[in-house]
PDB file of all heavy atoms in Angstrom:
ATOM      1  N   MET A   1     115.034   2.971  62.326  1.00  0.00           N
ATOM      2  CA  MET A   1     114.599   2.518  61.013  1.00  0.00           C
ATOM      3  C   MET A   1     114.613   3.665  60.004  1.00  0.00           C
ATOM      4  O   MET A   1     115.025   3.505  58.849  1.00  0.00           O
ATOM      5  CB  MET A   1     113.199   1.920  61.108  1.00  0.00           C
ATOM      6  CG  MET A   1     113.168   0.488  61.626  1.00  0.00           C
ATOM      7  SD  MET A   1     114.032  -0.664  60.539  1.00  0.00           S
ATOM      8  CE  MET A   1     113.022  -0.563  59.071  1.00  0.00           C
ATOM      9  N   VAL A   2     114.177   4.841  60.442  1.00  0.00           N
ATOM     10  CA  VAL A   2     114.198   6.012  59.558  1.00  0.00           C
ATOM     11  C   VAL A   2     115.638   6.379  59.198  1.00  0.00           C
ATOM     12  O   VAL A   2     115.953   6.706  58.046  1.00  0.00           O
ATOM     13  CB  VAL A   2     113.481   7.194  60.225  1.00  0.00           C
ATOM     14  CG1 VAL A   2     113.628   8.457  59.379  1.00  0.00           C
ATOM     15  CG2 VAL A   2     112.008   6.873  60.440  1.00  0.00           C
ATOM     16  N   ALA A   3     116.521   6.294  60.195  1.00  0.00           N
ATOM     17  CA  ALA A   3     117.930   6.599  59.941  1.00  0.00           C
ATOM     18  C   ALA A   3     118.536   5.593  58.967  1.00  0.00           C
ATOM     19  O   ALA A   3     119.341   5.963  58.091  1.00  0.00           O
ATOM     20  CB  ALA A   3     118.706   6.598  61.250  1.00  0.00           C
ATOM     21  N   ASN A   4     118.149   4.313  59.100  1.00  0.00           N
ATOM     22  CA  ASN A   4     118.644   3.293  58.177  1.00  0.00           C
ATOM     23  C   ASN A   4     118.205   3.580  56.748  1.00  0.00           C
ATOM     24  O   ASN A   4     118.969   3.375  55.797  1.00  0.00           O
ATOM     25  CB  ASN A   4     118.147   1.912  58.609  1.00  0.00           C
ATOM     26  CG  ASN A   4     118.888   1.381  59.826  1.00  0.00           C
ATOM     27  OD1 ASN A   4     119.914   1.912  60.222  1.00  0.00           O
ATOM     28  ND2 ASN A   4     118.350   0.334  60.429  1.00  0.00           N
ATOM     29  N   THR A   5     116.971   4.061  56.593  1.00  0.00           N
ATOM     30  CA  THR A   5     116.464   4.391  55.257  1.00  0.00           C
ATOM     31  C   THR A   5     117.295   5.498  54.628  1.00  0.00           C
ATOM     32  O   THR A   5     117.617   5.452  53.424  1.00  0.00           O
ATOM     33  CB  THR A   5     114.993   4.816  55.336  1.00  0.00           C
ATOM     34  OG1 THR A   5     114.219   3.755  55.920  1.00  0.00           O
ATOM     35  CG2 THR A   5     114.442   5.130  53.949  1.00  0.00           C
ATOM     36  N   GLN A   6     117.646   6.487  55.407  1.00  0.00           N
ATOM     37  CA  GLN A   6     118.483   7.572  54.889  1.00  0.00           C
ATOM     38  C   GLN A   6     119.870   7.056  54.493  1.00  0.00           C
ATOM     39  O   GLN A   6     120.423   7.444  53.453  1.00  0.00           O
ATOM     40  CB  GLN A   6     118.602   8.679  55.933  1.00  0.00           C
ATOM     41  CG  GLN A   6     117.277   9.377  56.248  1.00  0.00           C
ATOM     42  CD  GLN A   6     117.403  10.393  57.356  1.00  0.00           C
ATOM     43  OE1 GLN A   6     118.423  10.459  58.039  1.00  0.00           O
ATOM     44  NE2 GLN A   6     116.362  11.188  57.546  1.00  0.00           N
ATOM     45  N   LYS A   7     120.416   6.167  55.308  1.00  0.00           N
ATOM     46  CA  LYS A   7     121.731   5.606  54.989  1.00  0.00           C
ATOM     47  C   LYS A   7     121.666   4.732  53.731  1.00  0.00           C
ATOM     48  O   LYS A   7     122.630   4.680  52.961  1.00  0.00           O
ATOM     49  CB  LYS A   7     122.256   4.789  56.177  1.00  0.00           C
ATOM     50  CG  LYS A   7     122.629   5.640  57.382  1.00  0.00           C
ATOM     51  CD  LYS A   7     123.439   4.860  58.401  1.00  0.00           C
ATOM     52  CE  LYS A   7     122.656   3.722  59.020  1.00  0.00           C
ATOM     53  NZ  LYS A   7     123.441   3.017  60.070  1.00  0.00           N
ATOM     54  N   GLU A   8     120.529   4.063  53.527  1.00  0.00           N
ATOM     55  CA  GLU A   8     120.373   3.243  52.328  1.00  0.00           C
ATOM     56  C   GLU A   8     120.420   4.100  51.071  1.00  0.00           C
ATOM     57  O   GLU A   8     121.027   3.712  50.064  1.00  0.00           O
ATOM     58  CB  GLU A   8     119.054   2.468  52.407  1.00  0.00           C
ATOM     59  CG  GLU A   8     119.082   1.339  53.430  1.00  0.00           C
ATOM     60  CD  GLU A   8     117.706   0.771  53.701  1.00  0.00           C
ATOM     61  OE1 GLU A   8     116.714   1.286  53.135  1.00  0.00           O
ATOM     62  OE2 GLU A   8     117.604  -0.192  54.482  1.00  0.00           O
ATOM     63  N   ASN A   9     119.788   5.257  51.105  1.00  0.00           N
ATOM     64  CA  ASN A   9     119.817   6.163  49.948  1.00  0.00           C
ATOM     65  C   ASN A   9     121.234   6.637  49.650  1.00  0.00           C
ATOM     66  O   ASN A   9     121.652   6.716  48.489  1.00  0.00           O
ATOM     67  CB  ASN A   9     118.895   7.354  50.198  1.00  0.00           C
ATOM     68  CG  ASN A   9     117.437   6.958  50.303  1.00  0.00           C
ATOM     69  OD1 ASN A   9     117.008   5.968  49.698  1.00  0.00           O
ATOM     70  ND2 ASN A   9     116.654   7.721  51.055  1.00  0.00           N
ATOM     71  N   GLU A  10     121.975   6.953  50.712  1.00  0.00           N
ATOM     72  CA  GLU A  10     123.364   7.391  50.522  1.00  0.00           C
ATOM     73  C   GLU A  10     124.224   6.244  49.993  1.00  0.00           C
ATOM     74  O   GLU A  10     125.065   6.441  49.103  1.00  0.00           O
ATOM     75  CB  GLU A  10     123.926   7.899  51.851  1.00  0.00           C
ATOM     76  CG  GLU A  10     123.206   9.140  52.386  1.00  0.00           C
ATOM     77  CD  GLU A  10     123.668   9.507  53.784  1.00  0.00           C
ATOM     78  OE1 GLU A  10     124.530   8.768  54.326  1.00  0.00           O
ATOM     79  OE2 GLU A  10     123.177  10.508  54.334  1.00  0.00           O
ATOM     80  N   ALA A  11     123.995   5.041  50.530  1.00  0.00           N
ATOM     81  CA  ALA A  11     124.776   3.886  50.097  1.00  0.00           C
ATOM     82  C   ALA A  11     124.512   3.559  48.633  1.00  0.00           C
ATOM     83  O   ALA A  11     125.412   3.132  47.898  1.00  0.00           O
ATOM     84  CB  ALA A  11     124.456   2.679  50.973  1.00  0.00           C
ATOM     85  N   LYS A  12     123.280   3.772  48.194  1.00  0.00           N
ATOM     86  CA  LYS A  12     122.944   3.489  46.796  1.00  0.00           C
ATOM     87  C   LYS A  12     123.716   4.404  45.854  1.00  0.00           C
ATOM     88  O   LYS A  12     124.235   3.959  44.823  1.00  0.00           O
ATOM     89  CB  LYS A  12     121.435   3.651  46.590  1.00  0.00           C
ATOM     90  CG  LYS A  12     120.949   3.174  45.240  1.00  0.00           C
ATOM     91  CD  LYS A  12     119.431   3.162  45.173  1.00  0.00           C
ATOM     92  CE  LYS A  12     118.965   2.562  43.846  1.00  0.00           C
ATOM     93  NZ  LYS A  12     117.487   2.492  43.770  1.00  0.00           N
ATOM     94  N   GLU A  13     123.816   5.676  46.206  1.00  0.00           N
ATOM     95  CA  GLU A  13     124.556   6.620  45.360  1.00  0.00           C
ATOM     96  C   GLU A  13     126.033   6.255  45.290  1.00  0.00           C
ATOM     97  O   GLU A  13     126.657   6.310  44.222  1.00  0.00           O
ATOM     98  CB  GLU A  13     124.389   8.034  45.906  1.00  0.00           C
ATOM     99  CG  GLU A  13     122.961   8.581  45.809  1.00  0.00           C
ATOM    100  CD  GLU A  13     122.855   9.986  46.348  1.00  0.00           C
ATOM    101  OE1 GLU A  13     123.908  10.542  46.758  1.00  0.00           O
ATOM    102  OE2 GLU A  13     121.739  10.527  46.378  1.00  0.00           O
ATOM    103  N   ILE A  14     126.593   5.868  46.434  1.00  0.00           N
ATOM    104  CA  ILE A  14     128.013   5.491  46.455  1.00  0.00           C
ATOM    105  C   ILE A  14     128.255   4.246  45.612  1.00  0.00           C
ATOM    106  O   ILE A  14     129.216   4.165  44.838  1.00  0.00           O
ATOM    107  CB  ILE A  14     128.475   5.262  47.908  1.00  0.00           C
ATOM    108  CG1 ILE A  14     128.418   6.577  48.699  1.00  0.00           C
ATOM    109  CG2 ILE A  14     129.878   4.666  47.942  1.00  0.00           C
ATOM    110  CD1 ILE A  14     128.714   6.419  50.176  1.00  0.00           C
ATOM    111  N   CYS A  15     127.367   3.267  45.761  1.00  0.00           N
ATOM    112  CA  CYS A  15     127.543   2.016  45.016  1.00  0.00           C
ATOM    113  C   CYS A  15     127.416   2.244  43.510  1.00  0.00           C
ATOM    114  O   CYS A  15     128.152   1.644  42.722  1.00  0.00           O
ATOM    115  CB  CYS A  15     126.508   0.986  45.482  1.00  0.00           C
ATOM    116  SG  CYS A  15     126.729  -0.651  44.762  1.00  0.00           S
ATOM    117  N   LEU A  16     126.499   3.099  43.097  1.00  0.00           N
ATOM    118  CA  LEU A  16     126.347   3.391  41.670  1.00  0.00           C
ATOM    119  C   LEU A  16     127.641   3.970  41.090  1.00  0.00           C
ATOM    120  O   LEU A  16     128.058   3.620  39.976  1.00  0.00           O
ATOM    121  CB  LEU A  16     125.193   4.372  41.455  1.00  0.00           C
ATOM    122  CG  LEU A  16     123.779   3.800  41.618  1.00  0.00           C
ATOM    123  CD1 LEU A  16     122.743   4.919  41.575  1.00  0.00           C
ATOM    124  CD2 LEU A  16     123.491   2.763  40.527  1.00  0.00           C
ATOM    125  N   LYS A  17     128.301   4.843  41.854  1.00  0.00           N
ATOM    126  CA  LYS A  17     129.558   5.429  41.401  1.00  0.00           C
ATOM    127  C   LYS A  17     130.643   4.358  41.314  1.00  0.00           C
ATOM    128  O   LYS A  17     131.436   4.335  40.357  1.00  0.00           O
ATOM    129  CB  LYS A  17     129.989   6.543  42.346  1.00  0.00           C
ATOM    130  CG  LYS A  17     129.068   7.769  42.321  1.00  0.00           C
ATOM    131  CD  LYS A  17     129.548   8.819  43.300  1.00  0.00           C
ATOM    132  CE  LYS A  17     128.621  10.035  43.294  1.00  0.00           C
ATOM    133  NZ  LYS A  17     129.062  11.069  44.271  1.00  0.00           N
ATOM    134  N   LYS A  18     130.680   3.458  42.304  1.00  0.00           N
ATOM    135  CA  LYS A  18     131.691   2.397  42.296  1.00  0.00           C
ATOM    136  C   LYS A  18     131.481   1.433  41.126  1.00  0.00           C
ATOM    137  O   LYS A  18     132.453   0.962  40.517  1.00  0.00           O
ATOM    138  CB  LYS A  18     131.646   1.629  43.621  1.00  0.00           C
ATOM    139  CG  LYS A  18     132.036   2.455  44.837  1.00  0.00           C
ATOM    140  CD  LYS A  18     133.508   2.861  44.794  1.00  0.00           C
ATOM    141  CE  LYS A  18     133.904   3.620  46.044  1.00  0.00           C
ATOM    142  NZ  LYS A  18     135.333   4.040  45.997  1.00  0.00           N
ATOM    143  N   ILE A  19     130.217   1.134  40.828  1.00  0.00           N
ATOM    144  CA  ILE A  19     129.930   0.245  39.695  1.00  0.00           C
ATOM    145  C   ILE A  19     130.406   0.876  38.394  1.00  0.00           C
ATOM    146  O   ILE A  19     130.990   0.214  37.525  1.00  0.00           O
ATOM    147  CB  ILE A  19     128.420  -0.061  39.627  1.00  0.00           C
ATOM    148  CG1 ILE A  19     128.006  -0.943  40.815  1.00  0.00           C
ATOM    149  CG2 ILE A  19     128.061  -0.751  38.316  1.00  0.00           C
ATOM    150  CD1 ILE A  19     126.515  -1.182  40.922  1.00  0.00           C
ATOM    151  N   GLU A  20     130.192   2.174  38.274  1.00  0.00           N
ATOM    152  CA  GLU A  20     130.627   2.886  37.065  1.00  0.00           C
ATOM    153  C   GLU A  20     132.148   2.907  36.969  1.00  0.00           C
ATOM    154  O   GLU A  20     132.720   2.748  35.882  1.00  0.00           O
ATOM    155  CB  GLU A  20     130.071   4.307  37.078  1.00  0.00           C
ATOM    156  CG  GLU A  20     130.349   5.081  35.801  1.00  0.00           C
ATOM    157  CD  GLU A  20     129.719   6.458  35.811  1.00  0.00           C
ATOM    158  OE1 GLU A  20     128.998   6.777  36.795  1.00  0.00           O
ATOM    159  OE2 GLU A  20     129.952   7.221  34.857  1.00  0.00           O
ATOM    160  N   GLU A  21     132.817   3.092  38.110  1.00  0.00           N
ATOM    161  CA  GLU A  21     134.285   3.112  38.111  1.00  0.00           C
ATOM    162  C   GLU A  21     134.850   1.764  37.668  1.00  0.00           C
ATOM    163  O   GLU A  21     135.838   1.707  36.924  1.00  0.00           O
ATOM    164  CB  GLU A  21     134.805   3.461  39.512  1.00  0.00           C
ATOM    165  CG  GLU A  21     134.546   4.910  39.917  1.00  0.00           C
ATOM    166  CD  GLU A  21     135.004   5.185  41.342  1.00  0.00           C
ATOM    167  OE1 GLU A  21     135.608   4.258  41.945  1.00  0.00           O
ATOM    168  OE2 GLU A  21     134.777   6.296  41.846  1.00  0.00           O
ATOM    169  N   HIS A  22     134.232   0.683  38.142  1.00  0.00           N
ATOM    170  CA  HIS A  22     134.728  -0.654  37.803  1.00  0.00           C
ATOM    171  C   HIS A  22     134.172  -1.159  36.474  1.00  0.00           C
ATOM    172  O   HIS A  22     134.565  -2.257  36.027  1.00  0.00           O
ATOM    173  CB  HIS A  22     134.368  -1.644  38.916  1.00  0.00           C
ATOM    174  CG  HIS A  22     135.137  -1.442  40.186  1.00  0.00           C
ATOM    175  ND1 HIS A  22     136.400  -1.969  40.382  1.00  0.00           N
ATOM    176  CD2 HIS A  22     134.830  -0.748  41.323  1.00  0.00           C
ATOM    177  CE1 HIS A  22     136.835  -1.634  41.597  1.00  0.00           C
ATOM    178  NE2 HIS A  22     135.904  -0.891  42.184  1.00  0.00           N
ATOM    179  N   GLN A  23     133.252  -0.392  35.875  1.00  0.00           N
ATOM    180  CA  GLN A  23     132.658  -0.744  34.575  1.00  0.00           C
ATOM    181  C   GLN A  23     132.082  -2.159  34.597  1.00  0.00           C
ATOM    182  O   GLN A  23     132.356  -2.985  33.718  1.00  0.00           O
ATOM    183  CB  GLN A  23     133.691  -0.609  33.460  1.00  0.00           C
ATOM    184  CG  GLN A  23     134.213   0.811  33.285  1.00  0.00           C
ATOM    185  CD  GLN A  23     135.211   0.941  32.140  1.00  0.00           C
ATOM    186  OE1 GLN A  23     135.678  -0.061  31.592  1.00  0.00           O
ATOM    187  NE2 GLN A  23     135.552   2.164  31.774  1.00  0.00           N
ATOM    188  N   LEU A  24     131.271  -2.412  35.598  1.00  0.00           N
ATOM    189  CA  LEU A  24     130.655  -3.733  35.741  1.00  0.00           C
ATOM    190  C   LEU A  24     129.297  -3.767  35.041  1.00  0.00           C
ATOM    191  O   LEU A  24     128.506  -2.832  35.154  1.00  0.00           O
ATOM    192  CB  LEU A  24     130.472  -4.073  37.228  1.00  0.00           C
ATOM    193  CG  LEU A  24     131.768  -4.228  38.026  1.00  0.00           C
ATOM    194  CD1 LEU A  24     131.458  -4.426  39.507  1.00  0.00           C
ATOM    195  CD2 LEU A  24     132.575  -5.411  37.496  1.00  0.00           C
ATOM    196  N   PRO A  25     128.994  -4.869  34.330  1.00  0.00           N
ATOM    197  CA  PRO A  25     127.708  -4.995  33.622  1.00  0.00           C
ATOM    198  C   PRO A  25     126.587  -5.430  34.566  1.00  0.00           C
ATOM    199  O   PRO A  25     126.068  -6.554  34.496  1.00  0.00           O
ATOM    200  CB  PRO A  25     127.997  -6.064  32.566  1.00  0.00           C
ATOM    201  CG  PRO A  25     129.023  -6.944  33.208  1.00  0.00           C
ATOM    202  CD  PRO A  25     129.887  -6.028  34.054  1.00  0.00           C
ATOM    203  N   MET A  26     126.207  -4.557  35.464  1.00  0.00           N
ATOM    204  CA  MET A  26     125.183  -4.885  36.452  1.00  0.00           C
ATOM    205  C   MET A  26     124.323  -3.656  36.711  1.00  0.00           C
ATOM    206  O   MET A  26     124.757  -2.523  36.523  1.00  0.00           O
ATOM    207  CB  MET A  26     125.824  -5.364  37.759  1.00  0.00           C
ATOM    208  CG  MET A  26     126.817  -4.385  38.347  1.00  0.00           C
ATOM    209  SD  MET A  26     127.828  -5.077  39.685  1.00  0.00           S
ATOM    210  CE  MET A  26     126.595  -5.308  40.966  1.00  0.00           C
ATOM    211  N   LYS A  27     123.087  -3.895  37.135  1.00  0.00           N
ATOM    212  CA  LYS A  27     122.143  -2.821  37.416  1.00  0.00           C
ATOM    213  C   LYS A  27     121.758  -2.884  38.890  1.00  0.00           C
ATOM    214  O   LYS A  27     121.163  -3.861  39.340  1.00  0.00           O
ATOM    215  CB  LYS A  27     120.892  -2.960  36.546  1.00  0.00           C
ATOM    216  CG  LYS A  27     119.814  -1.936  36.860  1.00  0.00           C
ATOM    217  CD  LYS A  27     118.556  -2.205  36.043  1.00  0.00           C
ATOM    218  CE  LYS A  27     117.432  -1.257  36.440  1.00  0.00           C
ATOM    219  NZ  LYS A  27     116.177  -1.566  35.696  1.00  0.00           N
ATOM    220  N   LEU A  28     122.098  -1.853  39.640  1.00  0.00           N
ATOM    221  CA  LEU A  28     121.759  -1.809  41.057  1.00  0.00           C
ATOM    222  C   LEU A  28     120.268  -1.531  41.217  1.00  0.00           C
ATOM    223  O   LEU A  28     119.738  -0.569  40.652  1.00  0.00           O
ATOM    224  CB  LEU A  28     122.575  -0.729  41.761  1.00  0.00           C
ATOM    225  CG  LEU A  28     122.386  -0.616  43.279  1.00  0.00           C
ATOM    226  CD1 LEU A  28     122.866  -1.890  43.974  1.00  0.00           C
ATOM    227  CD2 LEU A  28     123.140   0.601  43.818  1.00  0.00           C
ATOM    228  N   VAL A  29     119.589  -2.360  41.994  1.00  0.00           N
ATOM    229  CA  VAL A  29     118.134  -2.238  42.171  1.00  0.00           C
ATOM    230  C   VAL A  29     117.784  -1.623  43.511  1.00  0.00           C
ATOM    231  O   VAL A  29     116.972  -0.701  43.597  1.00  0.00           O
ATOM    232  CB  VAL A  29     117.457  -3.618  42.028  1.00  0.00           C
ATOM    233  CG1 VAL A  29     115.956  -3.500  42.290  1.00  0.00           C
ATOM    234  CG2 VAL A  29     117.711  -4.198  40.645  1.00  0.00           C
ATOM    235  N   ASP A  30     118.392  -2.122  44.574  1.00  0.00           N
ATOM    236  CA  ASP A  30     118.022  -1.643  45.906  1.00  0.00           C
ATOM    237  C   ASP A  30     119.163  -1.894  46.882  1.00  0.00           C
ATOM    238  O   ASP A  30     120.059  -2.707  46.617  1.00  0.00           O
ATOM    239  CB  ASP A  30     116.758  -2.359  46.393  1.00  0.00           C
ATOM    240  CG  ASP A  30     116.072  -1.630  47.535  1.00  0.00           C
ATOM    241  OD1 ASP A  30     116.435  -0.460  47.793  1.00  0.00           O
ATOM    242  OD2 ASP A  30     115.176  -2.212  48.172  1.00  0.00           O
ATOM    243  N   VAL A  31     119.119  -1.162  47.990  1.00  0.00           N
ATOM    244  CA  VAL A  31     120.103  -1.324  49.067  1.00  0.00           C
ATOM    245  C   VAL A  31     119.335  -1.478  50.375  1.00  0.00           C
ATOM    246  O   VAL A  31     118.341  -0.782  50.611  1.00  0.00           O
ATOM    247  CB  VAL A  31     121.044  -0.112  49.152  1.00  0.00           C
ATOM    248  CG1 VAL A  31     122.052  -0.300  50.286  1.00  0.00           C
ATOM    249  CG2 VAL A  31     121.760   0.104  47.834  1.00  0.00           C
ATOM    250  N   GLU A  32     119.800  -2.383  51.211  1.00  0.00           N
ATOM    251  CA  GLU A  32     119.119  -2.638  52.476  1.00  0.00           C
ATOM    252  C   GLU A  32     120.128  -2.761  53.613  1.00  0.00           C
ATOM    253  O   GLU A  32     121.086  -3.538  53.514  1.00  0.00           O
ATOM    254  CB  GLU A  32     118.285  -3.916  52.378  1.00  0.00           C
ATOM    255  CG  GLU A  32     117.538  -4.281  53.645  1.00  0.00           C
ATOM    256  CD  GLU A  32     116.817  -5.604  53.548  1.00  0.00           C
ATOM    257  OE1 GLU A  32     116.921  -6.265  52.484  1.00  0.00           O
ATOM    258  OE2 GLU A  32     116.160  -5.994  54.529  1.00  0.00           O
ATOM    259  N   TYR A  33     119.900  -1.985  54.656  1.00  0.00           N
ATOM    260  CA  TYR A  33     120.669  -2.116  55.892  1.00  0.00           C
ATOM    261  C   TYR A  33     119.919  -3.050  56.823  1.00  0.00           C
ATOM    262  O   TYR A  33     118.688  -2.951  56.953  1.00  0.00           O
ATOM    263  CB  TYR A  33     120.810  -0.757  56.576  1.00  0.00           C
ATOM    264  CG  TYR A  33     122.095  -0.018  56.291  1.00  0.00           C
ATOM    265  CD1 TYR A  33     122.226   0.785  55.165  1.00  0.00           C
ATOM    266  CD2 TYR A  33     123.186  -0.115  57.156  1.00  0.00           C
ATOM    267  CE1 TYR A  33     123.394   1.476  54.908  1.00  0.00           C
ATOM    268  CE2 TYR A  33     124.358   0.574  56.910  1.00  0.00           C
ATOM    269  CZ  TYR A  33     124.460   1.365  55.792  1.00  0.00           C
ATOM    270  OH  TYR A  33     125.625   2.036  55.539  1.00  0.00           O
ATOM    271  N   THR A  34     120.630  -3.964  57.473  1.00  0.00           N
ATOM    272  CA  THR A  34     119.975  -4.712  58.538  1.00  0.00           C
ATOM    273  C   THR A  34     119.703  -3.752  59.699  1.00  0.00           C
ATOM    274  O   THR A  34     120.343  -2.706  59.814  1.00  0.00           O
ATOM    275  CB  THR A  34     120.857  -5.876  59.015  1.00  0.00           C
ATOM    276  OG1 THR A  34     122.141  -5.358  59.432  1.00  0.00           O
ATOM    277  CG2 THR A  34     121.068  -6.892  57.910  1.00  0.00           C
ATOM    278  N   PHE A  35     118.744  -4.107  60.554  1.00  0.00           N
ATOM    279  CA  PHE A  35     118.293  -3.180  61.589  1.00  0.00           C
ATOM    280  C   PHE A  35     119.435  -2.727  62.496  1.00  0.00           C
ATOM    281  O   PHE A  35     119.541  -1.551  62.851  1.00  0.00           O
ATOM    282  CB  PHE A  35     117.193  -3.849  62.424  1.00  0.00           C
ATOM    283  CG  PHE A  35     116.730  -3.025  63.589  1.00  0.00           C
ATOM    284  CD1 PHE A  35     115.956  -1.889  63.385  1.00  0.00           C
ATOM    285  CD2 PHE A  35     117.071  -3.364  64.888  1.00  0.00           C
ATOM    286  CE1 PHE A  35     115.527  -1.116  64.453  1.00  0.00           C
ATOM    287  CE2 PHE A  35     116.647  -2.600  65.948  1.00  0.00           C
ATOM    288  CZ  PHE A  35     115.876  -1.478  65.738  1.00  0.00           C
ATOM    289  N   ASP A  36     120.319  -3.663  62.857  1.00  0.00           N
ATOM    290  CA  ASP A  36     121.413  -3.308  63.759  1.00  0.00           C
ATOM    291  C   ASP A  36     122.626  -2.742  63.015  1.00  0.00           C
ATOM    292  O   ASP A  36     123.656  -2.444  63.639  1.00  0.00           O
ATOM    293  CB  ASP A  36     121.827  -4.523  64.601  1.00  0.00           C
ATOM    294  CG  ASP A  36     122.194  -5.728  63.755  1.00  0.00           C
ATOM    295  OD1 ASP A  36     122.233  -5.591  62.508  1.00  0.00           O
ATOM    296  OD2 ASP A  36     122.426  -6.809  64.319  1.00  0.00           O
ATOM    297  N   GLY A  37     122.530  -2.609  61.688  1.00  0.00           N
ATOM    298  CA  GLY A  37     123.620  -2.022  60.918  1.00  0.00           C
ATOM    299  C   GLY A  37     124.831  -2.916  60.751  1.00  0.00           C
ATOM    300  O   GLY A  37     125.893  -2.444  60.328  1.00  0.00           O
ATOM    301  N   SER A  38     124.678  -4.206  61.033  1.00  0.00           N
ATOM    302  CA  SER A  38     125.825  -5.107  60.948  1.00  0.00           C
ATOM    303  C   SER A  38     126.123  -5.556  59.524  1.00  0.00           C
ATOM    304  O   SER A  38     127.175  -6.133  59.261  1.00  0.00           O
ATOM    305  CB  SER A  38     125.579  -6.348  61.818  1.00  0.00           C
ATOM    306  OG  SER A  38     124.426  -7.043  61.384  1.00  0.00           O
ATOM    307  N   LYS A  39     125.191  -5.304  58.599  1.00  0.00           N
ATOM    308  CA  LYS A  39     125.397  -5.737  57.220  1.00  0.00           C
ATOM    309  C   LYS A  39     124.641  -4.798  56.279  1.00  0.00           C
ATOM    310  O   LYS A  39     123.566  -4.302  56.603  1.00  0.00           O
ATOM    311  CB  LYS A  39     124.907  -7.173  57.013  1.00  0.00           C
ATOM    312  CG  LYS A  39     125.089  -7.698  55.591  1.00  0.00           C
ATOM    313  CD  LYS A  39     124.384  -9.015  55.360  1.00  0.00           C
ATOM    314  CE  LYS A  39     124.995 -10.149  56.132  1.00  0.00           C
ATOM    315  NZ  LYS A  39     124.379 -11.454  55.735  1.00  0.00           N
ATOM    316  N   VAL A  40     125.237  -4.585  55.090  1.00  0.00           N
ATOM    317  CA  VAL A  40     124.574  -3.842  54.023  1.00  0.00           C
ATOM    318  C   VAL A  40     124.423  -4.780  52.839  1.00  0.00           C
ATOM    319  O   VAL A  40     125.409  -5.379  52.386  1.00  0.00           O
ATOM    320  CB  VAL A  40     125.372  -2.589  53.598  1.00  0.00           C
ATOM    321  CG1 VAL A  40     124.539  -1.740  52.643  1.00  0.00           C
ATOM    322  CG2 VAL A  40     125.788  -1.776  54.803  1.00  0.00           C
ATOM    323  N   ILE A  41     123.197  -4.902  52.333  1.00  0.00           N
ATOM    324  CA  ILE A  41     122.909  -5.818  51.224  1.00  0.00           C
ATOM    325  C   ILE A  41     122.577  -4.998  49.986  1.00  0.00           C
ATOM    326  O   ILE A  41     121.704  -4.133  50.016  1.00  0.00           O
ATOM    327  CB  ILE A  41     121.728  -6.751  51.564  1.00  0.00           C
ATOM    328  CG1 ILE A  41     122.003  -7.504  52.872  1.00  0.00           C
ATOM    329  CG2 ILE A  41     121.489  -7.744  50.432  1.00  0.00           C
ATOM    330  CD1 ILE A  41     120.819  -8.302  53.377  1.00  0.00           C
TER     331      ILE A  41
END
């Protein structure tokens, strides 16, 4: 769970950069990994 939290922080930074690249009118609020890592929301 602690490792997932760290990955969520990294995923948030990556997604923010991708949103800026695509110039999408959206505001990223949060990122969540499922416990088994099968999905990122």
